[in-house]
Amino acid sequence: MFIPVGGPHQVRNRQSCTKVALDFVSPNNIQESVQLTQEFRLLPPLHRSKQYILEVKKLVVYAASATTNEVKDLMSKIE
């Protein structure tokens, strides 16, 4: 299931289960994701949504690093 950034949603488990989730930030939505992260950080410490802070900057650094490594690998194959 794909839920767009900022999209309200609710999950109801009908049986016991284990949650598996992956945060994905599209390059087109980085600015909005950073803004939402900043808004989450302003919530009171005990607010339920406080735990859902995306680490957008880490995701961007990882993506840039992975892209750089991929380009290096491709360039070494060309040489």
Protein backbone atom coordinates (compact mmCIF):
# COMPACT_ATOMS: atom_id res chain seq x y z
CA MET A 1 0.00 0.00 0.00
CA PHE A 2 1.31 3.48 -0.86
CA ILE A 3 0.21 6.44 1.25
CA PRO A 4 1.27 9.88 -0.04
CA VAL A 5 3.14 12.21 2.30
CA GLY A 6 0.78 13.93 4.70
CA GLY A 7 -2.06 11.59 3.75
CA PRO A 8 -4.18 10.74 6.77
CA HIS A 9 -4.70 7.02 7.24
CA GLN A 10 -5.75 4.53 9.85
CA VAL A 11 -4.88 0.88 10.25
CA ARG A 12 -7.10 -1.65 11.97
CA ASN A 13 -5.58 -5.02 12.71
CA ARG A 14 -8.16 -7.78 12.68
CA GLN A 15 -5.70 -10.24 14.19
CA SER A 16 -2.35 -10.08 15.91
CA CYS A 17 0.28 -9.01 13.43
CA THR A 18 3.72 -7.51 12.96
CA LYS A 19 4.05 -4.11 11.32
CA VAL A 20 6.55 -3.76 8.51
CA ALA A 21 6.90 -0.27 7.08
CA LEU A 22 9.29 1.54 4.80
CA ASP A 23 9.57 5.29 4.52
CA PHE A 24 10.02 6.50 0.95
CA VAL A 25 10.62 10.11 0.02
CA SER A 26 10.24 11.00 -3.63
CA PRO A 27 12.73 13.58 -4.91
CA ASN A 28 9.70 15.64 -5.94
CA ASN A 29 8.47 15.82 -2.33
CA ILE A 30 11.65 16.41 -0.35
CA GLN A 31 10.76 19.99 0.56
CA GLU A 32 7.29 19.02 1.81
CA SER A 33 8.76 16.10 3.79
CA VAL A 34 11.30 18.40 5.45
CA GLN A 35 8.49 20.82 6.35
CA LEU A 36 6.37 18.03 7.88
CA THR A 37 9.36 16.80 9.87
CA GLN A 38 9.88 20.29 11.29
CA GLU A 39 6.18 20.50 12.20
CA PHE A 40 6.33 17.10 13.97
CA ARG A 41 9.26 18.31 16.05
CA LEU A 42 7.14 21.19 17.37
CA LEU A 43 4.58 18.81 18.89
CA PRO A 44 4.48 18.37 22.68
CA PRO A 45 6.79 15.58 23.93
CA LEU A 46 3.96 13.14 24.75
CA HIS A 47 1.96 13.65 21.54
CA ARG A 48 1.23 10.37 19.68
CA SER A 49 2.56 11.63 16.35
CA LYS A 50 5.87 12.77 17.84
CA GLN A 51 7.28 9.28 17.23
CA TYR A 52 6.77 9.51 13.47
CA ILE A 53 9.56 11.92 12.62
CA LEU A 54 11.04 11.07 9.24
CA GLU A 55 14.76 11.40 9.00
CA VAL A 56 14.54 13.10 5.62
CA LYS A 57 18.02 14.57 5.65
CA LYS A 58 19.55 11.14 6.30
CA LEU A 59 17.47 9.69 3.45
CA VAL A 60 18.74 12.40 1.08
CA VAL A 61 22.38 11.86 2.10
CA TYR A 62 22.00 8.09 1.67
CA ALA A 63 20.40 8.53 -1.77
CA ALA A 64 23.16 10.89 -2.90
CA SER A 65 25.82 8.49 -1.62
CA ALA A 66 24.21 5.49 -3.34
CA THR A 67 23.90 7.44 -6.59
CA THR A 68 27.56 8.54 -6.44
CA ASN A 69 28.69 4.96 -5.86
CA GLU A 70 26.57 3.73 -8.76
CA VAL A 71 28.06 6.37 -11.09
CA LYS A 72 31.58 5.43 -9.98
CA ASP A 73 30.87 1.75 -10.70
CA LEU A 74 29.49 2.56 -14.14
CA MET A 75 32.43 4.83 -14.96
CA SER A 76 34.94 2.13 -13.94
CA LYS A 77 33.24 -0.34 -16.29
CA ILE A 78 33.49 2.12 -19.18
CA GLU A 79 37.22 2.64 -18.63
